[in-house]
Amino acid sequence: MHAKESKRHRYELPPEFNVWLAAHFRRPGRWDQSYLYSLDCKMHRWLLRSPYRTRNPEEADYFFVPAYPSLGFYDYEFGLYWLTGRGVAFLRSVMDYVQRTWPYFRRKKGSDHILVLTNDKGATFLRGTVSALRGMTLITQWGWKRPHIHLPEQDIVVPPMLRVDKLIGESPFISLKSSSATDTWLASHKRKYLLSFVGSVRFHTPGYSMGVRQAIFRRYNASEGFFLRDLRGDSYKGVHKKLEPKEYLAVLQDSKFCLAPSGMGFSTRSYESVAQGCVPLVIQDDPLSNTSVDQAFEELLPWSQFSLRLKQSDIPNLPELLDRFPLEQWQQLRRSLACVWPRVLWLQADNEAPGQQLDGEGKSSNATAALGDEAGLTQHDAWESIMHTLKRRLMRRRGVEPPPFEWRVQARSCQKVMGAAM
């Protein structure tokens, strides 16, 4: 155990569990260009060069299982986007190999082992079908707090893998380089839209987004101050124009609140909104089971300080709730966005799709290119948020209460909005 940071050991798995799959998908294909589901490949690569890695399994605090289920084992079944039957068989083979080959899994029944699952439904039903996963830490993008899906004190919810070079290239936090620009941004409390949402609605799929998107679109599609667009073209009360990426990001920046519902499972909206300085309106709850959905790193980041969370029961009163939301409180939420945004984005240098891997760093796919002289923020991104989460859990496991986490980063945008408070 290092004095300041926990160590992870990476298993050497046979190539059919990872790199052969990646090699097969180097040509353009369904999974090749998908950023959203590529974290299993990325974490493996980042750990290979990470200072957190140890080659000695005897000194490891955690063991990373480098399997790539995203490369060919996710599909639609019964209208749901999750691990297929052969994907379950794949994970059984992976875990059988781990337990058969090394003694470390048995020592703590897998509680110090980590596996990445990035499909829409996360770990839904998997602990019941792959018994070896029951005690493991699963890193997923879907944090619905139900025993067969997400265990908050055991699993870790992470943001999806977004094209951050595009997000931060348009972000107001990167362009706030002068005091006058910052003052203008802070003072400007007028927004063209009170609430915006751009994405798929799927009126004929009741379980999609737990019904949130459909309910809001039906009620407020024609409401003043609401910008609602259905990208699938099956819009209630007419088909809307599909927005180009820059247009979409401009809508987020020109909105007071940005709706962040779930999708078939996880959604990208919370994190896109954070990056564009729009306060996320998180409505992700199921009234029937009285359960809600964890956002990324909820045990680490104070989401209540940079987002607004409501329930489906609030939807009928949404215009009044948002219109009467205290201006000073909204401005404080927005200031906090300027300090937290790197924590929920993947800012590692080689953040590109699996089939677009390039030799070396500093290429056009470099996700930090748009950061310019703030490239040091890679030390405060989502990858580091995982490491902080694991370190703090390890401290508690050893009977030491970790100190309060300083979630505000040393970004220029944060220094400007916090002033002397930083």
Protein backbone atom coordinates (compact mmCIF):
# COMPACT_ATOMS: atom_id res chain seq x y z
CA MET A 1 0.00 0.00 0.00
CA HIS A 2 1.43 3.33 -1.08
CA ALA A 3 1.34 6.09 1.54
CA LYS A 4 -1.05 8.26 -0.46
CA GLU A 5 -2.82 6.03 -2.92
CA SER A 6 -4.15 2.51 -3.19
CA LYS A 7 -2.63 0.12 -5.69
CA ARG A 8 -4.40 -1.90 -8.36
CA HIS A 9 -3.21 -5.07 -9.98
CA ARG A 10 -4.29 -5.96 -13.50
CA TYR A 11 -4.82 -9.62 -14.32
CA GLU A 12 -3.27 -11.03 -17.47
CA LEU A 13 -6.23 -12.64 -19.21
CA PRO A 14 -6.02 -14.75 -22.37
CA PRO A 15 -6.40 -12.50 -25.44
CA GLU A 16 -9.77 -13.97 -26.43
CA PHE A 17 -11.25 -12.07 -23.48
CA ASN A 18 -10.00 -8.66 -24.61
CA VAL A 19 -7.39 -7.73 -27.23
CA TRP A 20 -8.48 -10.24 -29.87
CA LEU A 21 -11.95 -8.74 -29.65
CA ALA A 22 -10.52 -5.24 -30.02
CA ALA A 23 -8.40 -6.29 -33.00
CA HIS A 24 -11.43 -7.80 -34.69
CA PHE A 25 -13.32 -4.53 -34.38
CA ARG A 26 -10.59 -2.24 -35.71
CA ARG A 27 -12.51 -1.94 -38.98
CA PRO A 28 -15.64 0.23 -38.89
CA GLY A 29 -18.46 -1.70 -37.29
CA ARG A 30 -21.26 -1.39 -34.81
CA TRP A 31 -19.05 -1.20 -31.72
CA ASP A 32 -15.98 0.27 -33.36
CA GLN A 33 -17.06 3.89 -33.28
CA SER A 34 -19.06 3.80 -30.05
CA TYR A 35 -17.61 6.05 -27.39
CA LEU A 36 -20.50 5.38 -25.06
CA TYR A 37 -19.63 1.75 -24.36
CA SER A 38 -15.84 1.71 -24.62
CA LEU A 39 -14.79 2.25 -20.99
CA ASP A 40 -13.82 -1.40 -20.46
CA CYS A 41 -11.17 -1.04 -23.18
CA LYS A 42 -10.09 2.42 -22.03
CA MET A 43 -9.64 1.53 -18.36
CA HIS A 44 -7.46 -1.42 -19.33
CA ARG A 45 -5.23 0.81 -21.43
CA TRP A 46 -5.05 3.60 -18.84
CA LEU A 47 -4.14 1.18 -16.06
CA LEU A 48 -1.20 -0.12 -18.09
CA ARG A 49 0.49 3.26 -17.80
CA SER A 50 -1.01 4.30 -14.47
CA PRO A 51 0.99 5.12 -11.32
CA TYR A 52 -1.75 3.30 -9.41
CA ARG A 53 -0.75 0.01 -10.97
CA THR A 54 1.40 -2.56 -9.22
CA ARG A 55 2.92 -5.63 -10.83
CA ASN A 56 3.05 -7.41 -7.49
CA PRO A 57 -0.38 -8.90 -6.70
CA GLU A 58 0.61 -9.39 -3.06
CA GLU A 59 0.66 -5.63 -2.49
CA ALA A 60 -2.49 -4.87 -4.48
CA ASP A 61 -5.57 -3.40 -2.81
CA TYR A 62 -7.78 -4.04 -5.83
CA PHE A 63 -7.69 -6.39 -8.81
CA PHE A 64 -8.89 -5.21 -12.21
CA VAL A 65 -10.39 -7.85 -14.53
CA PRO A 66 -9.63 -6.61 -18.10
CA ALA A 67 -12.49 -8.20 -20.02
CA TYR A 68 -14.17 -6.42 -22.95
CA PRO A 69 -17.88 -7.35 -22.92
CA SER A 70 -18.68 -4.15 -24.87
CA LEU A 71 -17.07 -5.60 -28.00
CA GLY A 72 -19.83 -7.76 -29.37
CA PHE A 73 -21.80 -9.00 -26.35
CA TYR A 74 -24.45 -6.28 -25.98
CA ASP A 75 -27.60 -6.32 -28.04
CA TYR A 76 -31.32 -5.63 -28.07
CA GLU A 77 -33.40 -8.40 -26.54
CA PHE A 78 -37.10 -7.93 -25.68
CA GLY A 79 -36.63 -4.24 -26.52
CA LEU A 80 -33.89 -3.84 -23.91
CA TYR A 81 -30.25 -3.00 -24.51
CA TRP A 82 -28.17 -5.26 -22.29
CA LEU A 83 -25.81 -8.20 -22.09
CA THR A 84 -26.94 -11.09 -24.27
CA GLY A 85 -27.02 -14.76 -23.27
CA ARG A 86 -23.66 -15.33 -24.90
CA GLY A 87 -22.41 -12.28 -23.03
CA VAL A 88 -23.39 -13.95 -19.76
CA ALA A 89 -21.53 -17.08 -20.89
CA PHE A 90 -18.54 -14.87 -21.75
CA LEU A 91 -18.44 -13.41 -18.22
CA ARG A 92 -18.77 -16.85 -16.68
CA SER A 93 -15.76 -17.98 -18.70
CA VAL A 94 -13.80 -14.90 -17.63
CA MET A 95 -14.52 -15.37 -13.95
CA ASP A 96 -13.97 -19.13 -14.09
CA TYR A 97 -10.52 -18.43 -15.51
CA VAL A 98 -9.75 -15.83 -12.82
CA GLN A 99 -10.76 -18.16 -9.98
CA ARG A 100 -9.06 -21.20 -11.49
CA THR A 101 -5.77 -19.47 -12.26
CA TRP A 102 -5.05 -17.27 -9.22
CA PRO A 103 -5.73 -17.53 -5.47
CA TYR A 104 -6.61 -13.87 -4.91
CA PHE A 105 -10.33 -13.96 -5.68
CA ARG A 106 -11.04 -16.49 -2.95
CA ARG A 107 -9.29 -14.48 -0.23
CA LYS A 108 -12.07 -11.87 0.00
CA LYS A 109 -14.76 -13.54 -2.10
CA GLY A 110 -14.09 -11.08 -4.90
CA SER A 111 -14.83 -7.94 -2.86
CA ASP A 112 -11.50 -6.44 -3.98
CA HIS A 113 -12.10 -7.27 -7.66
CA ILE A 114 -13.34 -4.77 -10.26
CA LEU A 115 -15.16 -5.33 -13.54
CA VAL A 116 -16.44 -2.73 -16.03
CA LEU A 117 -19.92 -3.10 -17.58
CA THR A 118 -21.07 -0.23 -19.78
CA ASN A 119 -24.28 -1.39 -21.45
CA ASP A 120 -27.48 0.61 -21.00
CA LYS A 121 -28.85 -1.68 -18.30
CA GLY A 122 -25.60 -1.98 -16.36
CA ALA A 123 -25.53 -5.03 -14.09
CA THR A 124 -29.26 -5.79 -14.32
CA PHE A 125 -29.84 -9.44 -13.30
CA LEU A 126 -26.15 -10.30 -13.75
CA ARG A 127 -25.40 -11.07 -10.11
CA GLY A 128 -28.13 -13.68 -10.23
CA THR A 129 -26.78 -15.35 -13.37
CA VAL A 130 -23.00 -15.00 -12.83
CA SER A 131 -22.49 -15.87 -9.17
CA ALA A 132 -18.85 -14.72 -9.09
CA LEU A 133 -20.03 -11.11 -9.57
CA ARG A 134 -22.04 -10.98 -6.34
CA GLY A 135 -19.28 -9.59 -4.15
CA MET A 136 -17.38 -7.65 -6.82
CA THR A 137 -17.27 -3.91 -7.47
CA LEU A 138 -19.00 -3.30 -10.79
CA ILE A 139 -18.27 -0.06 -12.62
CA THR A 140 -21.36 0.84 -14.63
CA GLN A 141 -23.14 3.81 -16.16
CA TRP A 142 -26.57 2.83 -14.78
CA GLY A 143 -27.17 3.50 -11.11
CA TRP A 144 -30.77 2.47 -10.50
CA LYS A 145 -30.72 1.60 -6.81
CA ARG A 146 -32.30 -1.84 -6.86
CA PRO A 147 -30.72 -5.06 -5.51
CA HIS A 148 -30.62 -6.75 -8.92
CA ILE A 149 -29.12 -3.68 -10.65
CA HIS A 150 -26.95 -1.31 -8.58
CA LEU A 151 -25.58 -1.62 -5.03
CA PRO A 152 -24.55 1.93 -3.99
CA GLU A 153 -21.93 1.00 -1.38
CA GLN A 154 -20.42 -1.68 -3.58
CA ASP A 155 -20.66 -0.51 -7.19
CA ILE A 156 -19.46 2.73 -8.79
CA VAL A 157 -21.55 4.75 -11.23
CA VAL A 158 -19.47 6.59 -13.81
CA PRO A 159 -20.37 9.03 -16.61
CA PRO A 160 -20.64 7.64 -20.13
CA MET A 161 -17.73 8.02 -22.50
CA LEU A 162 -18.62 11.19 -24.40
CA ARG A 163 -16.73 12.98 -27.16
CA VAL A 164 -15.30 15.46 -24.72
CA ASP A 165 -13.15 17.24 -27.28
CA LYS A 166 -16.42 18.42 -28.84
CA LEU A 167 -18.08 19.18 -25.49
CA ILE A 168 -15.28 21.25 -24.02
CA GLY A 169 -14.55 22.88 -27.36
CA GLU A 170 -17.97 24.55 -27.09
CA SER A 171 -18.03 24.88 -23.30
CA PRO A 172 -18.32 28.35 -21.72
CA PHE A 173 -15.86 27.24 -19.04
CA ILE A 174 -13.00 27.09 -21.52
CA SER A 175 -13.78 30.49 -23.05
CA LEU A 176 -13.99 32.35 -19.72
CA LYS A 177 -10.45 33.69 -20.04
CA SER A 178 -10.99 37.29 -19.02
CA SER A 179 -12.51 38.84 -15.92
CA SER A 180 -14.99 40.78 -18.02
CA ALA A 181 -16.16 37.63 -19.82
CA THR A 182 -16.60 35.88 -16.49
CA ASP A 183 -18.50 38.80 -14.99
CA THR A 184 -20.79 38.90 -18.01
CA TRP A 185 -21.42 35.17 -17.80
CA LEU A 186 -22.20 35.35 -14.08
CA ALA A 187 -24.40 38.43 -14.32
CA SER A 188 -26.40 37.05 -17.21
CA HIS A 189 -29.38 35.33 -15.59
CA LYS A 190 -31.71 35.70 -18.56
CA ARG A 191 -32.00 32.59 -20.67
CA LYS A 192 -33.94 31.99 -23.85
CA TYR A 193 -35.36 28.77 -22.45
CA LEU A 194 -36.53 27.87 -18.98
CA LEU A 195 -36.09 24.16 -19.74
CA SER A 196 -34.74 22.29 -22.71
CA PHE A 197 -34.54 18.70 -23.82
CA VAL A 198 -33.25 17.32 -27.11
CA GLY A 199 -33.27 13.56 -27.65
CA SER A 200 -35.32 10.46 -28.19
CA VAL A 201 -38.81 10.35 -26.63
CA ARG A 202 -40.25 6.99 -27.80
CA PHE A 203 -43.92 7.46 -27.05
CA HIS A 204 -44.66 3.82 -27.81
CA THR A 205 -42.08 2.42 -25.35
CA PRO A 206 -43.65 3.08 -21.93
CA GLY A 207 -40.69 1.87 -19.87
CA TYR A 208 -38.26 4.12 -21.69
CA SER A 209 -36.93 6.86 -19.37
CA MET A 210 -39.36 5.56 -16.72
CA GLY A 211 -41.97 7.56 -18.65
CA VAL A 212 -40.40 10.93 -17.82
CA ARG A 213 -39.60 12.09 -21.35
CA GLN A 214 -43.04 11.16 -22.65
CA ALA A 215 -44.90 12.84 -19.77
CA ILE A 216 -42.99 16.11 -20.10
CA PHE A 217 -43.20 16.18 -23.87
CA ARG A 218 -46.97 15.58 -23.88
CA ARG A 219 -47.60 18.30 -21.31
CA TYR A 220 -45.16 20.98 -22.39
CA ASN A 221 -44.29 20.51 -26.05
CA ALA A 222 -46.04 23.80 -26.92
CA SER A 223 -45.34 25.62 -23.63
CA GLU A 224 -43.63 28.98 -23.60
CA GLY A 225 -40.06 28.78 -22.37
CA PHE A 226 -39.76 25.03 -23.04
CA PHE A 227 -37.54 23.84 -25.89
CA LEU A 228 -38.37 20.16 -26.59
CA ARG A 229 -37.13 18.25 -29.62
CA ASP A 230 -37.52 14.57 -30.42
CA LEU A 231 -34.60 13.36 -32.51
CA ARG A 232 -36.40 10.18 -33.61
CA GLY A 233 -39.03 12.13 -35.50
CA ASP A 234 -42.03 10.59 -33.72
CA SER A 235 -42.75 13.81 -31.91
CA TYR A 236 -46.06 14.52 -30.25
CA LYS A 237 -47.69 17.42 -32.13
CA GLY A 238 -45.39 17.33 -35.12
CA VAL A 239 -41.90 16.42 -36.28
CA HIS A 240 -39.10 18.77 -35.30
CA LYS A 241 -35.87 19.59 -37.09
CA LYS A 242 -32.91 17.50 -36.04
CA LEU A 243 -30.21 19.67 -34.48
CA GLU A 244 -26.57 19.55 -35.42
CA PRO A 245 -24.17 19.00 -32.48
CA LYS A 246 -23.17 22.67 -32.19
CA GLU A 247 -26.80 23.74 -32.32
CA TYR A 248 -27.64 21.26 -29.57
CA LEU A 249 -24.84 22.52 -27.32
CA ALA A 250 -25.93 26.10 -27.98
CA VAL A 251 -29.44 25.21 -26.77
CA LEU A 252 -27.95 23.82 -23.54
CA GLN A 253 -26.00 27.02 -22.98
CA ASP A 254 -29.11 29.11 -23.60
CA SER A 255 -31.23 27.15 -21.10
CA LYS A 256 -31.74 27.83 -17.41
CA PHE A 257 -32.34 24.13 -16.70
CA CYS A 258 -31.59 21.12 -18.87
CA LEU A 259 -33.71 18.01 -18.41
CA ALA A 260 -31.67 14.95 -17.44
CA PRO A 261 -33.95 11.90 -17.56
CA SER A 262 -32.84 8.31 -17.92
CA GLY A 263 -33.01 6.54 -21.28
CA MET A 264 -33.34 2.80 -21.83
CA GLY A 265 -30.95 2.83 -18.89
CA PHE A 266 -28.36 5.55 -18.37
CA SER A 267 -28.50 8.92 -20.12
CA THR A 268 -25.84 11.36 -21.32
CA ARG A 269 -27.86 14.48 -20.47
CA SER A 270 -26.57 15.15 -16.93
CA TYR A 271 -22.97 15.31 -18.11
CA GLU A 272 -23.55 17.21 -21.35
CA SER A 273 -25.46 19.81 -19.32
CA VAL A 274 -22.67 20.12 -16.75
CA ALA A 275 -20.10 20.69 -19.50
CA GLN A 276 -22.18 23.51 -21.03
CA GLY A 277 -22.92 25.34 -17.78
CA CYS A 278 -26.60 24.41 -17.71
CA VAL A 279 -28.06 23.27 -14.38
CA PRO A 280 -29.17 19.63 -14.83
CA LEU A 281 -32.77 18.95 -13.86
CA VAL A 282 -32.51 15.30 -12.80
CA ILE A 283 -35.81 13.42 -12.87
CA GLN A 284 -34.88 9.76 -12.59
CA ASP A 285 -37.23 7.95 -10.24
CA ASP A 286 -39.73 5.12 -10.39
CA PRO A 287 -42.94 5.90 -8.45
CA LEU A 288 -44.05 2.26 -8.29
CA SER A 289 -40.94 0.99 -6.48
CA ASN A 290 -40.17 4.36 -4.85
CA THR A 291 -36.57 4.08 -6.04
CA SER A 292 -34.22 6.53 -7.73
CA VAL A 293 -31.05 6.49 -9.82
CA ASP A 294 -27.57 7.43 -8.61
CA GLN A 295 -25.63 9.86 -10.79
CA ALA A 296 -21.88 9.47 -11.35
CA PHE A 297 -19.76 9.44 -8.17
CA GLU A 298 -22.64 10.38 -5.84
CA GLU A 299 -20.62 9.33 -2.78
CA LEU A 300 -17.85 11.71 -3.86
CA LEU A 301 -19.58 14.70 -5.50
CA PRO A 302 -22.34 16.85 -3.91
CA TRP A 303 -24.86 16.77 -6.77
CA SER A 304 -27.28 18.91 -4.77
CA GLN A 305 -24.80 21.79 -5.06
CA PHE A 306 -24.74 21.85 -8.87
CA SER A 307 -28.03 20.26 -9.99
CA LEU A 308 -31.74 20.25 -9.18
CA ARG A 309 -33.44 16.95 -8.45
CA LEU A 310 -37.21 16.50 -8.71
CA LYS A 311 -39.57 13.53 -8.88
CA GLN A 312 -42.15 12.48 -11.44
CA SER A 313 -44.85 13.71 -9.07
CA ASP A 314 -43.48 17.24 -9.66
CA ILE A 315 -44.03 17.13 -13.44
CA PRO A 316 -47.56 18.64 -13.34
CA ASN A 317 -46.16 21.69 -11.52
CA LEU A 318 -42.91 21.93 -13.46
CA PRO A 319 -43.32 25.43 -15.01
CA GLU A 320 -44.15 26.99 -11.65
CA LEU A 321 -41.37 25.15 -9.80
CA LEU A 322 -38.72 26.22 -12.30
CA ASP A 323 -39.99 29.76 -12.86
CA ARG A 324 -40.09 30.46 -9.11
CA PHE A 325 -36.77 28.82 -8.35
CA PRO A 326 -34.74 31.44 -6.41
CA LEU A 327 -32.37 33.30 -8.71
CA GLU A 328 -29.58 33.44 -6.14
CA GLN A 329 -29.78 29.70 -5.59
CA TRP A 330 -29.73 29.01 -9.33
CA GLN A 331 -26.66 31.25 -9.73
CA GLN A 332 -24.89 29.35 -6.97
CA LEU A 333 -25.64 26.04 -8.69
CA ARG A 334 -24.16 27.46 -11.87
CA ARG A 335 -21.03 28.68 -10.05
CA SER A 336 -20.56 25.16 -8.74
CA LEU A 337 -20.79 23.80 -12.29
CA ALA A 338 -17.73 25.91 -13.11
CA CYS A 339 -15.85 24.03 -10.39
CA VAL A 340 -17.01 20.45 -10.87
CA TRP A 341 -17.19 19.91 -14.63
CA PRO A 342 -13.84 18.10 -15.09
CA ARG A 343 -14.80 15.53 -12.43
CA VAL A 344 -17.54 14.07 -14.65
CA LEU A 345 -15.70 14.09 -17.99
CA TRP A 346 -13.07 11.69 -19.32
CA LEU A 347 -10.11 13.96 -20.06
CA GLN A 348 -7.40 11.38 -20.62
CA ALA A 349 -5.20 12.10 -23.61
CA ASP A 350 -6.14 9.10 -25.78
CA ASN A 351 -9.88 9.22 -25.38
CA GLU A 352 -10.93 7.94 -28.80
CA ALA A 353 -13.08 5.11 -30.13
CA PRO A 354 -11.54 1.61 -29.99
CA GLY A 355 -11.11 1.43 -33.76
CA GLN A 356 -9.43 4.84 -33.94
CA GLN A 357 -6.50 4.14 -31.64
CA LEU A 358 -3.39 5.98 -32.76
CA ASP A 359 0.24 5.47 -31.88
CA GLY A 360 1.46 7.92 -29.28
CA GLU A 361 -0.34 10.92 -27.87
CA GLY A 362 -0.97 14.47 -29.02
CA LYS A 363 -2.95 13.40 -32.09
CA SER A 364 -6.15 14.99 -33.34
CA SER A 365 -8.16 12.60 -31.16
CA ASN A 366 -6.49 13.94 -28.01
CA ALA A 367 -9.34 14.84 -25.70
CA THR A 368 -7.24 17.43 -23.89
CA ALA A 369 -6.41 19.43 -27.01
CA ALA A 370 -9.26 21.86 -26.42
CA LEU A 371 -8.12 22.39 -22.83
CA GLY A 372 -5.01 24.22 -23.98
CA ASP A 373 -2.91 25.29 -21.01
CA GLU A 374 -5.41 23.66 -18.66
CA ALA A 375 -4.39 20.17 -19.74
CA GLY A 376 -3.45 19.53 -16.09
CA LEU A 377 -7.14 19.04 -15.42
CA THR A 378 -6.65 15.44 -16.54
CA GLN A 379 -5.57 14.93 -12.90
CA HIS A 380 -9.09 15.86 -11.80
CA ASP A 381 -11.27 14.03 -14.32
CA ALA A 382 -13.62 11.04 -14.14
CA TRP A 383 -10.72 8.58 -14.20
CA GLU A 384 -9.26 10.21 -11.10
CA SER A 385 -12.74 10.30 -9.53
CA ILE A 386 -12.78 6.51 -9.72
CA MET A 387 -9.41 6.37 -8.00
CA HIS A 388 -10.55 8.76 -5.25
CA THR A 389 -13.66 6.67 -4.67
CA LEU A 390 -11.67 3.45 -4.34
CA LYS A 391 -9.10 5.06 -2.06
CA ARG A 392 -11.74 6.43 0.30
CA ARG A 393 -13.53 3.09 0.44
CA LEU A 394 -10.25 1.41 1.28
CA MET A 395 -9.67 3.85 4.14
CA ARG A 396 -13.10 3.10 5.60
CA ARG A 397 -12.47 -0.62 5.24
CA ARG A 398 -9.40 -0.11 7.40
CA GLY A 399 -11.30 1.82 10.03
CA VAL A 400 -10.14 5.31 8.99
CA GLU A 401 -12.71 7.96 8.17
CA PRO A 402 -11.47 9.88 5.10
CA PRO A 403 -11.33 13.69 5.27
CA PRO A 404 -13.92 15.79 3.40
CA PHE A 405 -13.33 15.56 -0.31
CA GLU A 406 -12.39 18.80 -2.06
CA TRP A 407 -14.50 18.42 -5.18
CA ARG A 408 -13.78 21.90 -6.56
CA VAL A 409 -11.01 21.70 -9.12
CA GLN A 410 -8.33 24.28 -9.91
CA ALA A 411 -9.83 25.12 -13.28
CA ARG A 412 -9.61 28.71 -14.43
CA SER A 413 -13.41 28.85 -14.56
CA CYS A 414 -13.63 27.82 -10.90
CA GLN A 415 -10.97 30.27 -9.75
CA LYS A 416 -12.82 33.10 -11.45
CA VAL A 417 -16.29 32.33 -10.11
CA MET A 418 -15.10 31.51 -6.57
CA GLY A 419 -12.55 34.30 -6.30
CA ALA A 420 -10.94 34.43 -2.86
CA ALA A 421 -12.92 31.35 -1.81
CA MET A 422 -10.49 29.22 -3.77
